N, C-alpha and C. Protein backbone atom coordinates (compact mmCIF):
# COMPACT_ATOMS: atom_id res chain seq x y z
N MET A 1 68.02 85.73 110.66
CA MET A 1 67.37 85.81 109.25
C MET A 1 66.01 86.54 109.39
N PHE A 2 65.35 86.30 110.38
CA PHE A 2 64.07 86.86 110.65
C PHE A 2 64.20 88.51 110.52
N TRP A 3 65.16 89.02 111.27
CA TRP A 3 65.33 90.44 111.17
C TRP A 3 65.61 90.99 109.82
N VAL A 4 66.42 90.20 109.10
CA VAL A 4 66.82 90.62 107.65
C VAL A 4 65.57 90.69 106.89
N ILE A 5 64.73 89.65 107.01
CA ILE A 5 63.57 89.58 106.16
C ILE A 5 62.62 90.71 106.54
N LYS A 6 62.49 91.00 107.82
CA LYS A 6 61.55 92.00 108.32
C LYS A 6 62.05 93.42 107.97
N GLY A 7 63.33 93.51 107.82
CA GLY A 7 64.08 94.85 107.59
C GLY A 7 63.84 95.23 106.11
N GLY A 8 63.48 94.50 105.22
CA GLY A 8 63.28 94.83 103.92
C GLY A 8 64.57 94.93 103.04
N PRO A 9 64.59 95.43 101.75
CA PRO A 9 65.66 95.46 101.08
C PRO A 9 66.78 96.35 101.48
N VAL A 10 66.48 97.26 102.32
CA VAL A 10 67.63 98.25 102.81
C VAL A 10 68.49 97.50 103.81
N MET A 11 67.96 96.44 104.40
CA MET A 11 68.73 95.69 105.35
C MET A 11 69.86 94.99 104.67
N ILE A 12 69.59 94.67 103.39
CA ILE A 12 70.80 93.90 102.57
C ILE A 12 71.88 94.91 102.41
N ALA A 13 71.56 96.14 102.14
CA ALA A 13 72.77 97.13 102.06
C ALA A 13 73.36 97.45 103.34
N ILE A 14 72.61 97.39 104.36
CA ILE A 14 73.32 97.60 105.77
C ILE A 14 74.15 96.42 105.96
N LEU A 15 73.65 95.11 105.79
CA LEU A 15 74.55 94.00 106.05
C LEU A 15 75.79 93.93 105.21
N LEU A 16 75.68 94.27 103.97
CA LEU A 16 76.80 94.42 103.11
C LEU A 16 77.83 95.23 103.59
N GLY A 17 77.41 96.55 103.96
CA GLY A 17 78.23 97.48 104.48
C GLY A 17 78.98 97.09 105.87
N SER A 18 78.18 96.33 106.55
CA SER A 18 78.72 95.90 108.00
C SER A 18 79.87 94.77 107.71
N VAL A 19 79.64 93.94 106.77
CA VAL A 19 80.50 92.88 106.41
C VAL A 19 81.83 93.53 105.85
N LEU A 20 81.63 94.58 104.89
CA LEU A 20 82.98 95.11 104.40
C LEU A 20 83.60 95.94 105.36
N GLY A 21 82.86 96.56 106.27
CA GLY A 21 83.53 97.38 107.32
C GLY A 21 84.19 96.48 108.27
N LEU A 22 83.75 95.32 108.67
CA LEU A 22 84.33 94.34 109.51
C LEU A 22 85.71 93.84 108.91
N ALA A 23 85.58 93.51 107.62
CA ALA A 23 86.68 93.02 106.97
C ALA A 23 88.00 94.15 107.06
N ILE A 24 87.53 95.43 106.82
CA ILE A 24 88.69 96.39 106.91
C ILE A 24 89.23 96.42 108.47
N ILE A 25 88.27 96.48 109.38
CA ILE A 25 88.67 96.47 110.91
C ILE A 25 89.59 95.42 111.19
N LEU A 26 89.25 94.08 110.93
CA LEU A 26 89.94 93.01 111.04
C LEU A 26 91.37 93.13 110.52
N ASP A 27 91.38 93.61 109.26
CA ASP A 27 92.74 93.67 108.57
C ASP A 27 93.58 94.78 109.19
N LYS A 28 92.92 95.80 109.63
CA LYS A 28 93.84 96.78 110.29
C LYS A 28 94.20 96.51 111.65
N LEU A 29 93.43 95.90 112.50
CA LEU A 29 93.69 95.33 113.78
C LEU A 29 94.98 94.27 113.72
N TRP A 30 94.97 93.49 112.66
CA TRP A 30 95.78 92.49 112.48
C TRP A 30 97.13 93.03 112.11
N MET A 31 97.07 94.17 111.32
CA MET A 31 98.28 94.79 110.82
C MET A 31 98.91 95.54 112.08
N LEU A 32 98.13 96.22 112.84
CA LEU A 32 98.66 96.85 114.10
C LEU A 32 99.29 95.84 114.94
N PHE A 33 98.73 94.72 115.12
CA PHE A 33 99.16 93.63 116.10
C PHE A 33 100.59 93.11 115.51
N ARG A 34 100.55 93.03 114.14
CA ARG A 34 101.83 92.54 113.55
C ARG A 34 103.06 93.38 113.67
N ILE A 35 102.94 94.77 113.73
CA ILE A 35 103.97 95.75 113.63
C ILE A 35 104.36 96.23 115.07
N ARG A 36 103.76 95.57 116.13
CA ARG A 36 104.07 95.97 117.48
C ARG A 36 105.56 95.77 117.68
N MET A 37 106.17 96.63 118.36
CA MET A 37 107.64 96.56 118.67
C MET A 37 107.96 97.48 119.76
N ASP A 38 109.12 97.25 120.42
CA ASP A 38 109.56 98.09 121.46
C ASP A 38 110.38 99.25 120.76
N TYR A 39 109.62 100.45 120.58
CA TYR A 39 110.13 101.51 119.73
C TYR A 39 111.37 102.10 120.28
N GLU A 40 111.38 102.32 121.60
CA GLU A 40 112.61 102.97 122.12
C GLU A 40 113.95 102.14 122.09
N ASP A 41 113.63 100.81 122.34
CA ASP A 41 114.69 99.80 122.47
C ASP A 41 115.36 99.74 121.01
N PHE A 42 114.43 99.55 119.93
CA PHE A 42 114.91 99.41 118.57
C PHE A 42 115.71 100.75 118.18
N THR A 43 115.04 101.86 118.38
CA THR A 43 115.60 103.06 117.97
C THR A 43 117.03 103.35 118.63
N SER A 44 117.07 103.11 119.87
CA SER A 44 118.36 103.24 120.59
C SER A 44 119.41 102.23 119.97
N SER A 45 119.05 100.95 119.68
CA SER A 45 120.00 100.22 119.20
C SER A 45 120.54 100.58 117.88
N VAL A 46 119.62 100.90 116.97
CA VAL A 46 120.09 101.41 115.66
C VAL A 46 120.93 102.73 115.70
N LEU A 47 120.53 103.62 116.55
CA LEU A 47 121.27 104.94 116.61
C LEU A 47 122.56 104.67 117.21
N SER A 48 122.63 103.82 118.21
CA SER A 48 123.91 103.37 118.84
C SER A 48 124.93 102.82 117.86
N LYS A 49 124.54 102.05 116.96
CA LYS A 49 125.30 101.46 115.92
C LYS A 49 125.78 102.61 115.00
N VAL A 50 124.81 103.49 114.63
CA VAL A 50 125.16 104.50 113.66
C VAL A 50 126.24 105.49 114.34
N ALA A 51 126.10 105.76 115.65
CA ALA A 51 127.13 106.63 116.40
C ALA A 51 128.39 105.99 116.41
N GLU A 52 128.47 104.72 116.37
CA GLU A 52 129.68 103.88 116.42
C GLU A 52 130.20 103.70 114.96
N LYS A 53 129.57 104.31 113.92
CA LYS A 53 129.78 104.14 112.47
C LYS A 53 129.81 102.57 112.09
N LYS A 54 128.96 101.89 112.78
CA LYS A 54 128.75 100.51 112.27
C LYS A 54 127.48 100.53 111.46
N PHE A 55 127.45 101.14 110.33
CA PHE A 55 126.38 101.40 109.36
C PHE A 55 125.87 100.07 108.85
N ASP A 56 126.78 99.14 108.48
CA ASP A 56 126.19 97.93 107.94
C ASP A 56 125.47 97.11 108.95
N GLU A 57 125.93 97.19 110.28
CA GLU A 57 125.08 96.52 111.30
C GLU A 57 123.76 97.21 111.54
N ALA A 58 123.85 98.51 111.48
CA ALA A 58 122.46 99.20 111.74
C ALA A 58 121.68 99.00 110.56
N LYS A 59 122.12 98.86 109.42
CA LYS A 59 121.26 98.58 108.23
C LYS A 59 120.73 97.18 108.35
N LYS A 60 121.58 96.27 108.67
CA LYS A 60 121.09 94.77 108.76
C LYS A 60 119.96 94.72 109.78
N LEU A 61 120.04 95.46 110.94
CA LEU A 61 119.11 95.52 111.94
C LEU A 61 117.83 96.05 111.43
N CYS A 62 117.83 97.08 110.71
CA CYS A 62 116.71 97.68 109.98
C CYS A 62 116.18 96.71 108.94
N GLU A 63 117.01 96.01 108.29
CA GLU A 63 116.42 95.07 107.29
C GLU A 63 115.75 93.87 107.94
N LYS A 64 116.30 93.56 109.24
CA LYS A 64 115.57 92.49 109.99
C LYS A 64 114.17 92.81 110.18
N TYR A 65 113.87 94.17 110.41
CA TYR A 65 112.58 94.61 110.78
C TYR A 65 112.06 95.60 109.60
N SER A 66 112.31 95.19 108.36
CA SER A 66 112.04 95.91 107.25
C SER A 66 110.43 95.95 107.00
N ASN A 67 109.71 94.91 107.55
CA ASN A 67 108.44 94.93 107.42
C ASN A 67 107.67 95.81 108.50
N TYR A 68 108.37 96.37 109.34
CA TYR A 68 107.94 97.30 110.43
C TYR A 68 108.19 98.74 109.92
N PRO A 69 107.20 99.58 110.04
CA PRO A 69 107.36 101.00 109.54
C PRO A 69 108.72 101.66 110.02
N LEU A 70 109.01 101.44 111.41
CA LEU A 70 110.18 102.17 111.95
C LEU A 70 111.56 101.59 111.29
N GLY A 71 111.57 100.23 111.02
CA GLY A 71 112.72 99.61 110.42
C GLY A 71 112.93 100.15 109.00
N ALA A 72 111.79 100.28 108.25
CA ALA A 72 112.01 100.63 106.93
C ALA A 72 112.25 102.04 106.80
N THR A 73 111.84 102.88 107.66
CA THR A 73 112.02 104.30 107.70
C THR A 73 113.53 104.63 107.98
N LEU A 74 113.94 104.07 109.03
CA LEU A 74 115.37 104.27 109.46
C LEU A 74 116.38 103.73 108.43
N LYS A 75 115.99 102.64 107.81
CA LYS A 75 116.91 102.10 106.77
C LYS A 75 117.14 103.11 105.66
N ALA A 76 116.01 103.73 105.24
CA ALA A 76 116.06 104.68 104.18
C ALA A 76 117.00 105.94 104.48
N GLY A 77 117.00 106.26 105.88
CA GLY A 77 117.80 107.33 106.22
C GLY A 77 119.25 106.94 106.39
N ILE A 78 119.58 105.68 106.76
CA ILE A 78 120.95 105.21 106.86
C ILE A 78 121.53 105.12 105.42
N GLU A 79 120.72 104.72 104.39
CA GLU A 79 121.23 104.53 103.00
C GLU A 79 121.57 105.94 102.46
N LYS A 80 121.06 106.97 103.00
CA LYS A 80 121.16 108.30 102.40
C LYS A 80 122.08 109.13 103.38
N ARG A 81 122.91 108.51 104.17
CA ARG A 81 123.66 109.23 105.25
C ARG A 81 124.72 110.10 104.67
N HIS A 82 125.10 109.95 103.30
CA HIS A 82 126.25 110.60 102.80
C HIS A 82 125.74 111.96 102.14
N LEU A 83 124.45 112.10 102.16
CA LEU A 83 123.76 113.26 101.63
C LEU A 83 123.78 114.43 102.69
N ALA A 84 123.44 115.65 102.32
CA ALA A 84 123.25 116.74 103.18
C ALA A 84 122.20 116.49 104.22
N PRO A 85 122.21 116.99 105.42
CA PRO A 85 121.12 116.80 106.52
C PRO A 85 119.70 117.01 105.93
N HIS A 86 119.56 118.14 105.20
CA HIS A 86 118.18 118.50 104.84
C HIS A 86 117.71 117.38 103.68
N GLU A 87 118.72 116.87 103.00
CA GLU A 87 118.41 115.81 101.88
C GLU A 87 118.07 114.43 102.74
N ILE A 88 118.75 114.25 103.76
CA ILE A 88 118.32 113.03 104.51
C ILE A 88 117.06 113.19 105.27
N GLU A 89 116.72 114.39 105.64
CA GLU A 89 115.38 114.59 106.23
C GLU A 89 114.36 114.36 105.33
N LYS A 90 114.54 114.88 104.07
CA LYS A 90 113.43 114.60 102.96
C LYS A 90 113.35 113.12 102.60
N ALA A 91 114.55 112.46 102.66
CA ALA A 91 114.46 110.96 102.37
C ALA A 91 113.67 110.17 103.44
N LEU A 92 113.90 110.66 104.69
CA LEU A 92 113.25 110.02 105.81
C LEU A 92 111.76 110.40 105.81
N GLU A 93 111.46 111.68 105.45
CA GLU A 93 110.00 112.19 105.40
C GLU A 93 109.26 111.28 104.37
N ARG A 94 109.86 111.14 103.19
CA ARG A 94 109.27 110.26 102.09
C ARG A 94 108.95 108.85 102.55
N ALA A 95 110.10 108.25 103.14
CA ALA A 95 109.90 106.97 103.63
C ALA A 95 108.78 106.75 104.74
N GLY A 96 108.80 107.83 105.65
CA GLY A 96 107.79 107.74 106.71
C GLY A 96 106.50 107.99 106.22
N ASN A 97 106.38 108.82 105.32
CA ASN A 97 104.95 109.14 104.58
C ASN A 97 104.49 107.97 103.93
N SER A 98 105.35 107.19 103.21
CA SER A 98 104.91 106.03 102.50
C SER A 98 104.46 105.06 103.53
N GLN A 99 105.05 104.70 104.52
CA GLN A 99 104.67 103.89 105.65
C GLN A 99 103.42 104.20 106.18
N VAL A 100 103.19 105.53 106.50
CA VAL A 100 101.90 105.87 107.21
C VAL A 100 100.78 105.82 106.01
N HIS A 101 101.01 106.14 104.93
CA HIS A 101 100.03 105.93 103.85
C HIS A 101 99.51 104.48 103.67
N SER A 102 100.62 103.56 103.81
CA SER A 102 100.19 102.07 103.79
C SER A 102 99.24 101.77 105.02
N LEU A 103 99.68 102.27 106.12
CA LEU A 103 98.85 101.95 107.31
C LEU A 103 97.42 102.56 107.19
N GLU A 104 97.22 103.80 106.53
CA GLU A 104 95.98 104.33 106.33
C GLU A 104 95.17 103.79 105.28
N LYS A 105 95.62 102.94 104.67
CA LYS A 105 94.96 102.39 103.43
C LYS A 105 93.65 101.73 103.76
N HIS A 106 92.54 102.03 103.21
CA HIS A 106 91.19 101.65 103.36
C HIS A 106 90.43 102.30 104.55
N ILE A 107 91.15 103.07 105.27
CA ILE A 107 90.56 103.87 106.45
C ILE A 107 89.42 104.67 105.92
N GLY A 108 89.82 105.52 104.72
CA GLY A 108 88.71 106.15 104.14
C GLY A 108 87.44 105.51 103.86
N GLY A 109 87.59 104.28 103.32
CA GLY A 109 86.37 103.38 103.16
C GLY A 109 85.64 103.08 104.39
N LEU A 110 86.43 102.72 105.33
CA LEU A 110 85.77 102.55 106.75
C LEU A 110 84.99 103.61 107.20
N ILE A 111 85.48 104.93 107.20
CA ILE A 111 84.80 106.04 107.57
C ILE A 111 83.56 106.34 106.86
N SER A 112 83.70 106.10 105.55
CA SER A 112 82.49 106.21 104.69
C SER A 112 81.29 105.24 105.09
N ILE A 113 81.75 104.08 105.36
CA ILE A 113 80.74 102.99 105.83
C ILE A 113 80.14 103.45 107.08
N ILE A 114 80.98 103.99 107.98
CA ILE A 114 80.42 104.43 109.30
C ILE A 114 79.39 105.57 109.11
N GLY A 115 79.70 106.30 108.16
CA GLY A 115 78.77 107.49 107.94
C GLY A 115 77.56 107.08 107.19
N ILE A 116 77.60 106.06 106.31
CA ILE A 116 76.46 105.70 105.42
C ILE A 116 75.45 104.71 106.24
N GLU A 117 76.03 103.86 107.15
CA GLU A 117 75.18 102.97 107.77
C GLU A 117 74.04 103.61 108.55
N PRO A 118 74.08 104.55 109.35
CA PRO A 118 72.89 105.30 109.98
C PRO A 118 71.98 105.71 108.86
N LEU A 119 72.52 106.38 107.76
CA LEU A 119 71.74 107.00 106.83
C LEU A 119 70.84 105.91 106.07
N LEU A 120 71.52 104.83 105.84
CA LEU A 120 70.74 103.58 105.34
C LEU A 120 69.55 103.22 106.29
N GLY A 121 69.91 103.27 107.68
CA GLY A 121 68.93 102.87 108.64
C GLY A 121 67.77 104.01 108.53
N PHE A 122 68.02 105.23 108.42
CA PHE A 122 67.07 106.23 108.29
C PHE A 122 66.23 106.11 106.93
N LEU A 123 66.89 105.68 105.99
CA LEU A 123 66.23 105.37 104.73
C LEU A 123 65.09 104.31 104.87
N GLY A 124 65.61 103.25 105.53
CA GLY A 124 64.77 102.11 105.88
C GLY A 124 63.54 102.55 106.72
N THR A 125 63.85 103.52 107.50
CA THR A 125 62.73 104.09 108.41
C THR A 125 61.61 104.78 107.44
N ILE A 126 62.15 105.43 106.57
CA ILE A 126 61.25 106.25 105.71
C ILE A 126 60.51 105.25 104.77
N THR A 127 61.17 104.31 104.15
CA THR A 127 60.45 103.32 103.21
C THR A 127 59.46 102.46 104.13
N GLY A 128 59.88 102.15 105.32
CA GLY A 128 59.04 101.29 106.18
C GLY A 128 57.75 102.13 106.48
N LEU A 129 57.84 103.46 106.77
CA LEU A 129 56.65 104.10 107.17
C LEU A 129 55.84 104.41 105.81
N ILE A 130 56.47 104.62 104.81
CA ILE A 130 55.62 104.73 103.47
C ILE A 130 54.84 103.48 103.20
N LYS A 131 55.53 102.24 103.41
CA LYS A 131 54.81 100.99 103.31
C LYS A 131 53.66 100.91 104.23
N ALA A 132 53.81 101.24 105.49
CA ALA A 132 52.76 101.25 106.53
C ALA A 132 51.63 102.23 106.04
N PHE A 133 51.83 103.43 105.67
CA PHE A 133 50.82 104.37 105.16
C PHE A 133 50.01 103.94 103.82
N MET A 134 50.88 103.23 103.00
CA MET A 134 50.18 102.67 101.84
C MET A 134 49.17 101.56 102.13
N ALA A 135 49.67 100.79 103.15
CA ALA A 135 48.78 99.61 103.61
C ALA A 135 47.46 100.30 104.27
N TRP A 136 47.65 101.40 105.13
CA TRP A 136 46.57 102.07 105.69
C TRP A 136 45.63 102.69 104.60
N GLU A 137 46.22 103.19 103.63
CA GLU A 137 45.50 103.88 102.53
C GLU A 137 44.59 102.76 101.83
N ARG A 138 45.16 101.60 101.46
CA ARG A 138 44.48 100.60 100.87
C ARG A 138 43.43 99.92 101.68
N ALA A 139 43.64 99.86 102.95
CA ALA A 139 42.64 99.25 103.84
C ALA A 139 41.61 100.13 104.39
N GLY A 140 41.91 101.42 104.49
CA GLY A 140 41.06 102.42 104.86
C GLY A 140 40.63 102.19 106.37
N SER A 141 39.42 102.39 106.64
CA SER A 141 38.97 102.27 108.10
C SER A 141 39.06 100.84 108.57
N ALA A 142 39.18 99.80 107.65
CA ALA A 142 39.42 98.44 108.12
C ALA A 142 40.71 98.02 108.45
N ILE A 143 41.65 99.07 108.52
CA ILE A 143 43.04 98.80 108.83
C ILE A 143 43.21 98.08 110.09
N THR A 144 44.14 97.00 110.11
CA THR A 144 44.41 96.38 111.39
C THR A 144 45.91 96.52 111.73
N VAL A 145 46.31 96.20 112.91
CA VAL A 145 47.63 96.28 113.35
C VAL A 145 48.67 95.47 112.58
N SER A 146 48.12 94.30 112.18
CA SER A 146 49.02 93.32 111.44
C SER A 146 49.32 93.78 110.06
N GLN A 147 48.41 94.62 109.45
CA GLN A 147 48.62 95.15 108.22
C GLN A 147 49.66 96.29 108.24
N LEU A 148 49.70 97.01 109.39
CA LEU A 148 50.69 97.99 109.62
C LEU A 148 52.09 97.50 110.09
N ALA A 149 51.98 96.37 110.58
CA ALA A 149 53.20 95.79 111.30
C ALA A 149 54.39 95.70 110.32
N SER A 150 54.16 95.24 109.11
CA SER A 150 55.32 95.02 108.23
C SER A 150 56.16 96.30 108.00
N GLY A 151 55.43 97.28 107.64
CA GLY A 151 56.09 98.70 107.31
C GLY A 151 56.77 99.15 108.76
N ILE A 152 56.06 99.05 109.89
CA ILE A 152 56.77 99.44 111.13
C ILE A 152 57.99 98.69 111.47
N TYR A 153 57.82 97.41 111.35
CA TYR A 153 58.99 96.51 111.50
C TYR A 153 60.23 96.99 110.64
N GLU A 154 59.97 97.19 109.39
CA GLU A 154 61.06 97.73 108.56
C GLU A 154 61.66 99.04 109.04
N ALA A 155 60.86 99.89 109.48
CA ALA A 155 61.26 101.17 109.90
C ALA A 155 62.16 101.12 111.12
N MET A 156 61.66 100.39 112.05
CA MET A 156 62.48 100.13 113.40
C MET A 156 63.69 99.34 113.21
N ILE A 157 63.61 98.26 112.51
CA ILE A 157 64.70 97.33 112.47
C ILE A 157 65.90 97.93 111.70
N THR A 158 65.64 98.68 110.64
CA THR A 158 66.62 99.30 109.77
C THR A 158 67.47 100.32 110.62
N THR A 159 66.56 101.14 111.25
CA THR A 159 67.18 102.29 112.15
C THR A 159 68.13 101.54 113.19
N ALA A 160 67.61 100.57 113.84
CA ALA A 160 68.49 99.92 114.85
C ALA A 160 69.71 99.22 114.21
N ALA A 161 69.41 98.48 113.19
CA ALA A 161 70.71 97.99 112.44
C ALA A 161 71.75 98.90 112.08
N GLY A 162 71.42 100.03 111.51
CA GLY A 162 72.31 101.05 110.97
C GLY A 162 73.17 101.58 112.24
N LEU A 163 72.39 101.79 113.32
CA LEU A 163 73.10 102.49 114.44
C LEU A 163 73.96 101.41 115.15
N THR A 164 73.54 100.16 115.23
CA THR A 164 74.27 99.14 115.93
C THR A 164 75.51 98.81 115.18
N VAL A 165 75.64 98.96 113.85
CA VAL A 165 76.88 98.81 113.13
C VAL A 165 77.72 100.03 113.26
N ALA A 166 77.18 101.17 113.14
CA ALA A 166 77.98 102.48 113.02
C ALA A 166 78.70 102.82 114.42
N VAL A 167 77.88 102.61 115.56
CA VAL A 167 78.53 102.99 116.84
C VAL A 167 79.75 102.37 117.26
N PRO A 168 79.70 101.02 117.24
CA PRO A 168 81.10 100.28 117.59
C PRO A 168 82.17 100.46 116.48
N TYR A 169 81.71 100.48 115.25
CA TYR A 169 82.62 100.76 114.17
C TYR A 169 83.43 102.09 114.26
N TYR A 170 82.62 103.13 114.82
CA TYR A 170 83.08 104.41 115.06
C TYR A 170 84.21 104.44 116.13
N LEU A 171 83.88 103.80 117.16
CA LEU A 171 84.83 103.70 118.30
C LEU A 171 86.19 102.88 117.92
N ILE A 172 85.90 101.80 117.23
CA ILE A 172 87.20 101.09 116.72
C ILE A 172 87.94 101.84 115.74
N CYS A 173 87.26 102.43 114.75
CA CYS A 173 87.96 103.31 113.79
C CYS A 173 88.80 104.35 114.54
N ASN A 174 88.27 105.05 115.41
CA ASN A 174 88.90 106.08 116.25
C ASN A 174 90.23 105.56 116.78
N PHE A 175 90.12 104.29 117.32
CA PHE A 175 91.17 103.60 118.08
C PHE A 175 92.31 103.23 116.98
N ILE A 176 91.96 102.84 115.87
CA ILE A 176 92.87 102.51 114.75
C ILE A 176 93.66 103.85 114.29
N ILE A 177 92.88 104.91 114.17
CA ILE A 177 93.56 106.18 113.67
C ILE A 177 94.44 106.65 114.80
N SER A 178 94.02 106.57 116.02
CA SER A 178 94.80 107.09 117.18
C SER A 178 96.27 106.17 117.17
N LYS A 179 96.20 104.93 116.88
CA LYS A 179 97.33 104.18 116.82
C LYS A 179 98.21 104.49 115.70
N ILE A 180 97.61 104.85 114.53
CA ILE A 180 98.42 105.10 113.49
C ILE A 180 99.09 106.49 113.63
N LYS A 181 98.34 107.39 114.36
CA LYS A 181 98.85 108.74 114.58
C LYS A 181 100.12 108.57 115.48
N TYR A 182 100.10 107.72 116.48
CA TYR A 182 101.18 107.51 117.38
C TYR A 182 102.45 106.82 116.64
N ILE A 183 102.14 105.92 115.87
CA ILE A 183 103.23 105.39 115.01
C ILE A 183 103.83 106.53 114.13
N SER A 184 103.08 107.41 113.54
CA SER A 184 103.61 108.55 112.79
C SER A 184 104.50 109.36 113.64
N TYR A 185 104.05 109.61 114.92
CA TYR A 185 104.88 110.42 115.88
C TYR A 185 106.20 109.63 116.09
N GLU A 186 106.07 108.29 116.17
CA GLU A 186 107.43 107.58 116.59
C GLU A 186 108.32 107.63 115.27
N LEU A 187 107.82 107.61 114.22
CA LEU A 187 108.56 107.73 113.00
C LEU A 187 109.31 109.00 112.85
N ASN A 188 108.54 110.09 113.16
CA ASN A 188 109.04 111.53 113.11
C ASN A 188 110.20 111.70 114.12
N ASP A 189 109.88 111.12 115.24
CA ASP A 189 110.82 111.30 116.43
C ASP A 189 112.18 110.61 116.14
N ALA A 190 111.98 109.22 115.76
CA ALA A 190 113.21 108.46 115.28
C ALA A 190 113.88 109.04 114.22
N SER A 191 113.33 109.59 113.17
CA SER A 191 113.94 110.36 112.13
C SER A 191 114.71 111.55 112.56
N THR A 192 114.20 112.30 113.40
CA THR A 192 114.90 113.56 113.75
C THR A 192 116.15 113.10 114.63
N ARG A 193 116.07 112.12 115.51
CA ARG A 193 117.08 111.69 116.25
C ARG A 193 118.15 111.04 115.31
N LEU A 194 117.94 110.32 114.28
CA LEU A 194 118.89 109.92 113.38
C LEU A 194 119.61 110.98 112.63
N VAL A 195 118.79 112.05 112.24
CA VAL A 195 119.44 113.21 111.59
C VAL A 195 120.38 113.86 112.52
N GLU A 196 120.09 113.99 113.78
CA GLU A 196 120.90 114.69 114.70
C GLU A 196 122.19 113.90 115.01
N VAL A 197 122.10 112.59 114.99
CA VAL A 197 123.20 111.74 115.30
C VAL A 197 124.19 111.88 113.93
N LEU A 198 123.64 111.81 112.80
CA LEU A 198 124.50 111.94 111.74
C LEU A 198 125.11 113.33 111.56
N ALA A 199 124.33 114.37 111.92
CA ALA A 199 124.93 115.77 111.93
C ALA A 199 126.07 115.88 112.86
N GLU A 200 125.85 115.28 114.04
CA GLU A 200 126.81 115.30 115.13
C GLU A 200 128.27 114.66 114.69
N MET A 201 128.04 113.60 113.81
CA MET A 201 129.10 112.76 113.42
C MET A 201 130.02 113.64 112.40
N ARG A 202 129.20 114.46 111.68
CA ARG A 202 129.99 115.24 110.69
C ARG A 202 130.84 116.39 111.37
N LYS A 203 130.48 116.65 112.49
CA LYS A 203 131.26 117.81 113.26
C LYS A 203 132.48 117.29 113.89
N GLN A 204 132.61 116.01 114.00
CA GLN A 204 133.76 115.33 114.67
C GLN A 204 134.97 115.34 113.76
């Protein structure tokens, strides 16, 4: 509480941003934890059933994991198996994009918070220095360190707070984005393999 008071009004904005950013981070980390699965094992199981023309079983397996991006995407492709290959690809692409879009929800907000926090810290530095110089102007040659301390405190604390929030949030955000990119790669790879299996079946 001491640091918040000494940091001045800008600290309130920094704290609000940090709380909102933390909420987004926790939500995304929990989401990524919930959708963990053995990608290769699941994909192979589904494609094996499709190759054996056990479409209902393949679909049921996908429905069992319909809350997972991979399950929902492959299900969309299996349901469109009667269409031409390029139409199946479009259906899989739409389903995959929808899943990735859902995973990326609020990431833009988190990136904005990471960018704004240091700027708020620098703003606090400026307002703190202005406060210190105004105190100096009022006191003139009788200025004391204690009269300058309030403004200097605000300048230093807000800068430190903004960077303290932004640096770890930046690292965590990059981790989340990299995980989403990898999931996107898995969806594209599984979709391509499904189209190839369905195309091969048509040749038989």
